[in-house]
Amino acid sequence: MSSGVKQRLSEFYSTISDDLDRSVEFWLKHSVDEEQGGFFQCLDADGEVYDTTKYTWLLSRQVWTFARLYQDMDRFRLPNILEVAKKGAEFVMKHVKNPENSKCYFSLTREGQPIKIQRTIFSECFYVLAMSEMYRVLKEDIYKKEAMAMMKQIVHWVRVDNSGLGIPLVPPKATSSLGVPMMLLCLIDQMETMDPAHGANFNDLADWCIARVLKHVQRNGTVVLETVSEDGEEVGGSAGRLMNPGHVIEAGWFLLERAGKSGNEELQKTALETFMLEAFHRGWDTEHGGILYFVDVDGRPPAQLEWDMKLWWPHNEAMIAFLKAYKHTSDEKYLEKFAQVFDYSYQHFADTQKGEWFGYLSREGQVKINAKGGPWKGCFHVPRSLMMCEQLLHEILQTQ
């Protein structure tokens, strides 16, 4: 397989490039709310809107996506792409954040009235993504000011006082969630990209995040658990045995990026072997193909009823991770893993006729929800993965 997989690099590039064009066209054509602003996310297989509720994770991430496409991809440096990003950012700034406490709503009416709020930091994290990327594009200080202020608030909630999130002051048992430090690593990279001069400001936070992420490595490096105790110990029950392979693989490429910037070879090894290869080994369904959504590391029944479904985003993250790993190491085993995920994804998720990917498959690989967007799936994971993979493949092909 080794010699064959390198010969497929041009195929990977052309397939992904064409798919990115289709994905961008799908969201441009169907998601933009010309009347009220912002974006529709609940789109069926043909792009028809089936619910006008707007989800702020997805609003902000779509702003980031179009701004990043405009900034980094020559063929998307088009007036209509910029206009969509700007109008989306205006809607986000006007409606998503509560100015009294900086909390961002989770969902809004079509007009922008708040519906729901979460006791987490993720709506705020994606607000930072949107604002910082708009600053990259337009260099207007309002965006940088918003991004920096929200970043400061998030760090305060995470490291100093989380009472502003509405979390009970005395939780039953203090735990550490993998999602928080890995999301902060993503934000640090984003803030450094927005303004490299700020890079040194986040070194301490990056070190804290890495140490926090590594607490989740358990059992001599054979598992990365979604939840551990504050002290980095396993917690009991199903929650303590839970592994989300796609989440771990995503954390792996965040760690690989940090390792590359700092020259930390031990961290690079951990990112590659523990977060990518071990997680892939545990998560890949050897019977039907694809990455399982959840795994109980002891092989016991997972509490999540959807544990055996195949979701789009873990496959997007695995494509990014293994292509980055191959570029970093030139080791073809990572390119082979990329090809494995690529082949499954283009056989099952991608709609090469109407654009975008279906999000939810059965264990056997059949489409379970006949929609391209919903409360959790918007214009982000697919185009981000395709954009990053296209760029990586271009760089790899240049060196072959």
Protein backbone atom coordinates (compact mmCIF):
# COMPACT_ATOMS: atom_id res chain seq x y z
CA MET A 1 0.00 0.00 0.00
CA SER A 2 2.88 2.39 0.72
CA SER A 3 3.93 3.03 -2.84
CA GLY A 4 0.32 3.26 -3.98
CA VAL A 5 -0.83 5.77 -1.40
CA LYS A 6 1.82 8.34 -2.38
CA GLN A 7 0.69 8.00 -5.97
CA ARG A 8 -2.76 9.13 -4.85
CA LEU A 9 -1.66 12.56 -3.61
CA SER A 10 -2.87 14.33 -6.76
CA GLU A 11 -6.18 12.46 -6.57
CA PHE A 12 -6.63 13.50 -2.95
CA TYR A 13 -5.87 17.11 -3.88
CA SER A 14 -8.28 17.35 -6.79
CA THR A 15 -11.10 15.55 -4.98
CA ILE A 16 -10.79 17.75 -1.90
CA SER A 17 -10.45 20.96 -3.93
CA ASP A 18 -13.60 20.19 -5.92
CA ASP A 19 -15.44 19.22 -2.74
CA LEU A 20 -14.47 22.48 -1.04
CA ASP A 21 -15.91 24.41 -3.98
CA ARG A 22 -19.18 22.48 -3.66
CA SER A 23 -19.35 22.94 0.09
CA VAL A 24 -18.79 26.69 -0.07
CA GLU A 25 -21.36 27.01 -2.84
CA PHE A 26 -23.89 25.02 -0.79
CA TRP A 27 -23.64 27.33 2.22
CA LEU A 28 -23.52 30.49 0.10
CA LYS A 29 -26.62 29.47 -1.80
CA HIS A 30 -28.76 28.17 1.04
CA SER A 31 -27.70 29.49 4.45
CA VAL A 32 -27.51 33.27 4.16
CA ASP A 33 -30.52 35.02 5.70
CA GLU A 34 -30.84 38.07 3.48
CA GLU A 35 -33.82 39.46 5.42
CA GLN A 36 -32.82 39.21 9.09
CA GLY A 37 -29.06 38.71 8.88
CA GLY A 38 -26.92 35.85 10.06
CA PHE A 39 -27.20 32.32 8.77
CA PHE A 40 -29.67 29.46 8.70
CA GLN A 41 -28.11 26.19 9.82
CA CYS A 42 -30.99 23.71 9.73
CA LEU A 43 -30.82 22.73 6.07
CA ASP A 44 -32.11 19.51 4.56
CA ALA A 45 -30.36 17.42 1.92
CA ASP A 46 -31.33 19.89 -0.82
CA GLY A 47 -30.52 22.98 1.23
CA GLU A 48 -34.09 23.87 2.17
CA VAL A 49 -34.52 25.51 5.59
CA TYR A 50 -36.46 23.28 7.99
CA ASP A 51 -36.01 25.37 11.17
CA THR A 52 -35.15 29.08 11.46
CA THR A 53 -33.57 28.84 14.94
CA LYS A 54 -30.02 30.18 14.81
CA TYR A 55 -27.27 28.51 16.83
CA THR A 56 -24.48 30.78 17.95
CA TRP A 57 -21.68 28.19 17.84
CA LEU A 58 -22.47 27.84 14.16
CA LEU A 59 -23.07 31.53 13.46
CA SER A 60 -19.63 32.46 14.76
CA ARG A 61 -17.90 29.50 13.12
CA GLN A 62 -19.46 30.36 9.77
CA VAL A 63 -18.12 33.91 10.06
CA TRP A 64 -14.68 32.42 10.78
CA THR A 65 -14.97 30.04 7.82
CA PHE A 66 -15.82 32.68 5.23
CA ALA A 67 -13.28 35.14 6.61
CA ARG A 68 -10.55 32.47 6.58
CA LEU A 69 -11.47 31.37 3.05
CA TYR A 70 -11.26 34.99 1.90
CA GLN A 71 -7.99 35.63 3.68
CA ASP A 72 -6.08 32.43 2.89
CA MET A 73 -7.47 30.98 -0.36
CA ASP A 74 -6.88 32.98 -3.53
CA ARG A 75 -9.90 31.66 -5.41
CA PHE A 76 -12.23 32.68 -2.58
CA ARG A 77 -10.92 36.25 -2.35
CA LEU A 78 -14.18 37.50 -3.80
CA PRO A 79 -16.44 40.44 -2.87
CA ASN A 80 -19.43 38.22 -2.14
CA ILE A 81 -17.41 36.02 0.25
CA LEU A 82 -16.24 39.09 2.18
CA GLU A 83 -19.73 40.56 2.22
CA VAL A 84 -21.21 37.38 3.70
CA ALA A 85 -18.52 37.33 6.40
CA LYS A 86 -19.05 41.01 7.26
CA LYS A 87 -22.82 40.78 7.49
CA GLY A 88 -22.53 37.59 9.53
CA ALA A 89 -20.12 39.30 11.92
CA GLU A 90 -22.50 42.25 12.28
CA PHE A 91 -25.32 39.89 13.28
CA VAL A 92 -23.06 38.08 15.75
CA MET A 93 -21.86 41.31 17.37
CA LYS A 94 -25.40 42.66 17.62
CA HIS A 95 -27.18 39.60 18.99
CA VAL A 96 -24.91 36.86 20.35
CA LYS A 97 -23.30 38.46 23.43
CA ASN A 98 -25.08 39.70 26.54
CA PRO A 99 -23.28 43.03 27.18
CA GLU A 100 -24.05 42.88 30.91
CA ASN A 101 -21.97 39.79 31.66
CA SER A 102 -20.21 38.84 28.37
CA LYS A 103 -22.02 35.50 28.26
CA CYS A 104 -22.98 34.44 24.76
CA TYR A 105 -26.32 32.85 24.05
CA PHE A 106 -26.49 29.33 22.63
CA SER A 107 -29.50 29.81 20.38
CA LEU A 108 -31.51 32.69 18.98
CA THR A 109 -34.73 33.29 17.11
CA ARG A 110 -34.41 34.09 13.43
CA GLU A 111 -34.53 37.80 14.34
CA GLY A 112 -31.78 37.41 16.95
CA GLN A 113 -33.69 37.25 20.22
CA PRO A 114 -32.13 34.92 22.82
CA ILE A 115 -33.63 31.49 23.40
CA LYS A 116 -31.10 29.50 25.41
CA ILE A 117 -27.82 29.96 27.27
CA GLN A 118 -25.26 27.32 28.32
CA ARG A 119 -23.09 27.07 31.42
CA THR A 120 -19.96 26.45 29.35
CA ILE A 121 -17.34 28.56 27.56
CA PHE A 122 -17.85 27.30 24.02
CA SER A 123 -20.26 29.92 22.64
CA GLU A 124 -17.75 32.51 23.84
CA CYS A 125 -14.81 30.62 22.33
CA PHE A 126 -16.40 30.65 18.90
CA TYR A 127 -17.19 34.34 19.32
CA VAL A 128 -13.43 34.87 19.70
CA LEU A 129 -12.78 32.87 16.53
CA ALA A 130 -15.17 35.03 14.53
CA MET A 131 -13.96 38.39 15.83
CA SER A 132 -10.24 37.61 15.56
CA GLU A 133 -10.53 36.31 12.01
CA MET A 134 -12.52 39.37 10.95
CA TYR A 135 -9.70 41.51 12.33
CA ARG A 136 -7.24 39.57 10.16
CA VAL A 137 -9.32 40.40 7.10
CA LEU A 138 -10.40 43.99 7.74
CA LYS A 139 -7.85 45.27 10.32
CA GLU A 140 -10.65 47.15 12.06
CA ASP A 141 -9.88 47.61 15.75
CA ILE A 142 -13.42 46.84 16.93
CA TYR A 143 -12.94 43.18 16.03
CA LYS A 144 -9.58 42.90 17.78
CA LYS A 145 -10.98 44.64 20.85
CA GLU A 146 -13.90 42.21 21.00
CA ALA A 147 -11.65 39.18 20.55
CA MET A 148 -9.14 40.26 23.20
CA ALA A 149 -11.82 41.18 25.75
CA MET A 150 -13.68 37.90 25.33
CA MET A 151 -10.43 35.90 25.44
CA LYS A 152 -9.58 37.59 28.74
CA GLN A 153 -13.04 36.79 30.09
CA ILE A 154 -12.81 33.12 29.08
CA VAL A 155 -9.42 32.71 30.78
CA HIS A 156 -10.86 34.30 33.93
CA TRP A 157 -13.75 31.86 33.96
CA VAL A 158 -11.49 28.87 33.37
CA ARG A 159 -8.58 29.67 35.65
CA VAL A 160 -9.87 32.12 38.29
CA ASP A 161 -13.61 32.09 38.93
CA ASN A 162 -16.24 30.14 37.02
CA SER A 163 -19.24 31.47 38.93
CA GLY A 164 -20.06 33.76 36.02
CA LEU A 165 -20.86 30.68 33.95
CA GLY A 166 -23.68 29.75 36.30
CA ILE A 167 -21.96 26.54 37.41
CA PRO A 168 -22.92 25.49 40.98
CA LEU A 169 -20.28 26.64 43.45
CA VAL A 170 -20.05 23.21 45.08
CA PRO A 171 -20.28 20.59 42.33
CA PRO A 172 -20.73 16.97 43.42
CA LYS A 173 -17.24 16.10 42.26
CA ALA A 174 -14.69 18.34 40.57
CA THR A 175 -13.58 16.97 37.22
CA SER A 176 -11.52 18.03 34.23
CA SER A 177 -13.05 17.94 30.75
CA LEU A 178 -10.75 17.45 27.76
CA GLY A 179 -12.76 19.93 25.71
CA VAL A 180 -11.81 22.99 27.76
CA PRO A 181 -7.98 23.01 27.51
CA MET A 182 -8.00 21.74 23.91
CA MET A 183 -10.41 24.53 22.92
CA LEU A 184 -8.15 27.06 24.60
CA LEU A 185 -5.20 25.71 22.59
CA CYS A 186 -7.25 26.35 19.48
CA LEU A 187 -7.93 29.91 20.62
CA ILE A 188 -4.28 30.56 21.43
CA ASP A 189 -3.31 29.53 17.91
CA GLN A 190 -6.06 31.76 16.53
CA MET A 191 -4.96 34.77 18.58
CA GLU A 192 -1.35 34.27 17.50
CA THR A 193 -2.54 34.11 13.90
CA MET A 194 -4.58 37.28 14.36
CA ASP A 195 -1.55 39.17 15.68
CA PRO A 196 1.81 37.37 16.03
CA ALA A 197 2.95 40.13 18.37
CA HIS A 198 0.64 38.69 21.02
CA GLY A 199 2.22 35.23 20.85
CA ALA A 200 4.39 35.60 23.95
CA ASN A 201 1.37 36.72 25.97
CA PHE A 202 -0.09 33.24 25.76
CA ASN A 203 2.95 31.08 26.56
CA ASP A 204 1.91 30.52 30.17
CA LEU A 205 -1.64 29.71 29.17
CA ALA A 206 -0.42 27.31 26.48
CA ASP A 207 1.75 25.48 29.01
CA TRP A 208 -1.22 25.24 31.39
CA CYS A 209 -3.44 23.88 28.61
CA ILE A 210 -0.91 21.27 27.52
CA ALA A 211 -0.44 20.06 31.09
CA ARG A 212 -4.19 19.92 31.49
CA VAL A 213 -4.70 17.96 28.26
CA LEU A 214 -1.97 15.49 29.20
CA LYS A 215 -3.79 14.74 32.48
CA HIS A 216 -6.29 12.86 30.35
CA VAL A 217 -3.66 10.37 29.17
CA GLN A 218 -4.16 7.28 31.32
CA ARG A 219 -3.12 3.62 31.58
CA ASN A 220 0.48 4.08 30.46
CA GLY A 221 -0.45 6.10 27.41
CA THR A 222 -2.94 3.63 25.96
CA VAL A 223 -6.08 5.74 26.44
CA VAL A 224 -7.06 9.40 26.50
CA LEU A 225 -10.18 9.79 28.61
CA GLU A 226 -12.77 12.50 28.07
CA THR A 227 -13.14 13.20 31.79
CA VAL A 228 -10.68 12.78 34.66
CA SER A 229 -10.46 14.16 38.17
CA GLU A 230 -8.91 17.57 38.85
CA ASP A 231 -5.84 15.67 40.04
CA GLY A 232 -5.58 13.73 36.79
CA GLU A 233 -6.93 10.43 38.09
CA GLU A 234 -9.56 8.18 36.57
CA VAL A 235 -13.08 8.70 37.85
CA GLY A 236 -15.55 5.89 38.29
CA GLY A 237 -18.44 4.70 36.21
CA SER A 238 -19.26 4.96 32.54
CA ALA A 239 -18.30 8.64 32.38
CA GLY A 240 -14.82 7.81 33.65
CA ARG A 241 -14.28 5.13 31.00
CA LEU A 242 -15.52 7.29 28.14
CA MET A 243 -13.35 8.02 25.14
CA ASN A 244 -14.39 10.14 22.17
CA PRO A 245 -11.88 9.08 19.48
CA GLY A 246 -12.57 12.02 17.17
CA HIS A 247 -12.11 14.48 20.01
CA VAL A 248 -8.81 12.88 21.01
CA ILE A 249 -7.51 12.91 17.42
CA GLU A 250 -8.47 16.59 17.13
CA ALA A 251 -6.59 17.33 20.34
CA GLY A 252 -3.67 15.47 18.77
CA TRP A 253 -3.26 17.90 15.92
CA PHE A 254 -3.60 20.86 18.30
CA LEU A 255 -0.74 19.37 20.34
CA LEU A 256 1.27 18.68 17.20
CA GLU A 257 0.98 22.35 16.25
CA ARG A 258 2.23 23.45 19.67
CA ALA A 259 5.06 20.92 19.55
CA GLY A 260 6.14 22.23 16.17
CA LYS A 261 6.22 25.83 17.43
CA SER A 262 8.14 25.00 20.60
CA GLY A 263 10.40 22.24 19.24
CA ASN A 264 9.14 19.86 21.92
CA GLU A 265 9.91 16.41 20.51
CA GLU A 266 8.38 14.54 23.44
CA LEU A 267 5.10 16.38 22.99
CA GLN A 268 5.20 15.63 19.26
CA LYS A 269 5.66 11.94 19.99
CA THR A 270 2.74 11.94 22.41
CA ALA A 271 0.54 13.80 19.93
CA LEU A 272 1.33 11.34 17.14
CA GLU A 273 1.39 8.03 18.98
CA THR A 274 -1.08 8.48 21.84
CA PHE A 275 -3.58 11.04 20.61
CA MET A 276 -3.66 10.05 16.94
CA LEU A 277 -2.65 6.42 16.46
CA GLU A 278 -3.94 4.96 19.74
CA ALA A 279 -7.22 6.83 19.49
CA PHE A 280 -7.66 5.79 15.86
CA HIS A 281 -6.90 2.19 16.75
CA ARG A 282 -9.56 2.22 19.46
CA GLY A 283 -12.10 4.18 17.47
CA TRP A 284 -11.95 2.59 14.01
CA ASP A 285 -14.80 0.16 13.39
CA THR A 286 -13.05 -2.89 11.94
CA GLU A 287 -16.38 -4.48 10.97
CA HIS A 288 -18.10 -1.63 9.11
CA GLY A 289 -15.42 1.03 8.74
CA GLY A 290 -15.53 4.58 10.02
CA ILE A 291 -14.77 6.09 13.41
CA LEU A 292 -17.12 5.23 16.27
CA TYR A 293 -18.55 8.22 18.10
CA PHE A 294 -17.90 6.94 21.63
CA VAL A 295 -15.89 4.06 23.08
CA ASP A 296 -15.88 2.54 26.56
CA VAL A 297 -12.21 1.80 27.10
CA ASP A 298 -13.02 -1.38 29.04
CA GLY A 299 -15.33 -2.64 26.30
CA ARG A 300 -18.40 -2.25 28.50
CA PRO A 301 -21.73 -0.81 27.31
CA PRO A 302 -21.37 2.95 26.70
CA ALA A 303 -24.00 5.14 28.32
CA GLN A 304 -24.41 7.15 25.12
CA LEU A 305 -27.13 5.60 22.94
CA GLU A 306 -25.50 7.05 19.82
CA TRP A 307 -22.12 5.52 20.63
CA ASP A 308 -21.91 3.41 17.46
CA MET A 309 -23.00 6.10 15.00
CA LYS A 310 -20.54 7.60 12.53
CA LEU A 311 -20.49 11.40 12.67
CA TRP A 312 -18.96 13.70 10.08
CA TRP A 313 -16.68 15.78 12.26
CA PRO A 314 -14.38 13.04 13.71
CA HIS A 315 -13.59 12.09 10.12
CA ASN A 316 -12.88 15.73 9.26
CA GLU A 317 -10.54 15.99 12.23
CA ALA A 318 -8.80 12.71 11.40
CA MET A 319 -8.15 13.87 7.84
CA ILE A 320 -6.48 17.03 9.14
CA ALA A 321 -4.55 15.18 11.83
CA PHE A 322 -3.06 12.42 9.70
CA LEU A 323 -2.17 14.75 6.86
CA LYS A 324 -0.43 17.08 9.31
CA ALA A 325 1.32 14.07 10.83
CA TYR A 326 2.54 12.95 7.41
CA LYS A 327 3.78 16.43 6.55
CA HIS A 328 5.62 16.68 9.88
CA THR A 329 7.23 13.23 9.74
CA SER A 330 7.17 12.00 6.10
CA ASP A 331 6.12 8.65 7.61
CA GLU A 332 3.76 6.98 5.16
CA LYS A 333 1.81 5.19 7.87
CA TYR A 334 0.10 8.50 8.56
CA LEU A 335 -0.70 9.00 4.89
CA GLU A 336 -2.18 5.50 4.84
CA LYS A 337 -4.44 6.41 7.77
CA PHE A 338 -5.46 9.57 5.96
CA ALA A 339 -6.34 7.51 2.88
CA GLN A 340 -8.38 5.13 5.03
CA VAL A 341 -10.48 7.97 6.43
CA PHE A 342 -10.66 9.73 3.05
CA ASP A 343 -12.01 6.64 1.32
CA TYR A 344 -14.64 5.96 3.96
CA SER A 345 -15.74 9.60 3.99
CA TYR A 346 -16.14 9.88 0.24
CA GLN A 347 -18.02 6.61 0.10
CA HIS A 348 -20.47 7.55 2.86
CA PHE A 349 -20.58 11.20 3.97
CA ALA A 350 -19.89 13.38 0.94
CA ASP A 351 -22.69 14.41 -1.44
CA THR A 352 -20.75 14.98 -4.63
CA GLN A 353 -23.90 16.02 -6.50
CA LYS A 354 -25.50 18.66 -4.28
CA GLY A 355 -22.53 19.55 -2.09
CA GLU A 356 -21.57 19.27 1.58
CA TRP A 357 -21.60 16.12 3.71
CA PHE A 358 -24.33 14.31 5.54
CA GLY A 359 -23.61 14.41 9.25
CA TYR A 360 -25.04 11.29 10.84
CA LEU A 361 -24.67 7.70 9.70
CA SER A 362 -25.65 4.38 11.23
CA ARG A 363 -22.91 2.01 12.29
CA GLU A 364 -23.30 0.30 8.92
CA GLY A 365 -22.75 3.59 7.09
CA GLN A 366 -26.31 4.47 6.06
CA VAL A 367 -27.50 8.08 6.29
CA LYS A 368 -29.64 8.38 9.42
CA ILE A 369 -30.61 12.07 9.24
CA ASN A 370 -31.26 13.35 5.74
CA ALA A 371 -29.92 16.85 6.37
CA LYS A 372 -26.73 18.79 5.75
CA GLY A 373 -27.10 21.11 8.73
CA GLY A 374 -28.69 21.23 12.16
CA PRO A 375 -28.20 22.49 15.73
CA TRP A 376 -24.65 21.05 15.87
CA LYS A 377 -23.59 20.88 12.22
CA GLY A 378 -23.04 24.05 10.24
CA CYS A 379 -20.56 25.66 7.90
CA PHE A 380 -17.35 24.80 9.72
CA HIS A 381 -15.96 21.27 10.10
CA VAL A 382 -16.30 20.20 6.47
CA PRO A 383 -15.01 23.39 4.79
CA ARG A 384 -12.30 23.88 7.43
CA SER A 385 -11.05 20.32 6.95
CA LEU A 386 -11.15 20.57 3.17
CA MET A 387 -9.41 23.96 3.19
CA MET A 388 -6.66 22.78 5.52
CA CYS A 389 -6.19 19.48 3.69
CA GLU A 390 -6.02 21.22 0.33
CA GLN A 391 -3.33 23.56 1.65
CA LEU A 392 -1.39 20.68 3.22
CA LEU A 393 -1.60 18.58 0.07
CA HIS A 394 -0.43 21.51 -2.04
CA GLU A 395 2.63 21.90 0.20
CA ILE A 396 3.31 18.14 0.18
CA LEU A 397 3.01 17.94 -3.60
CA GLN A 398 5.42 20.86 -3.97
CA THR A 399 8.08 18.86 -2.14
CA GLN A 400 7.56 15.51 -3.88
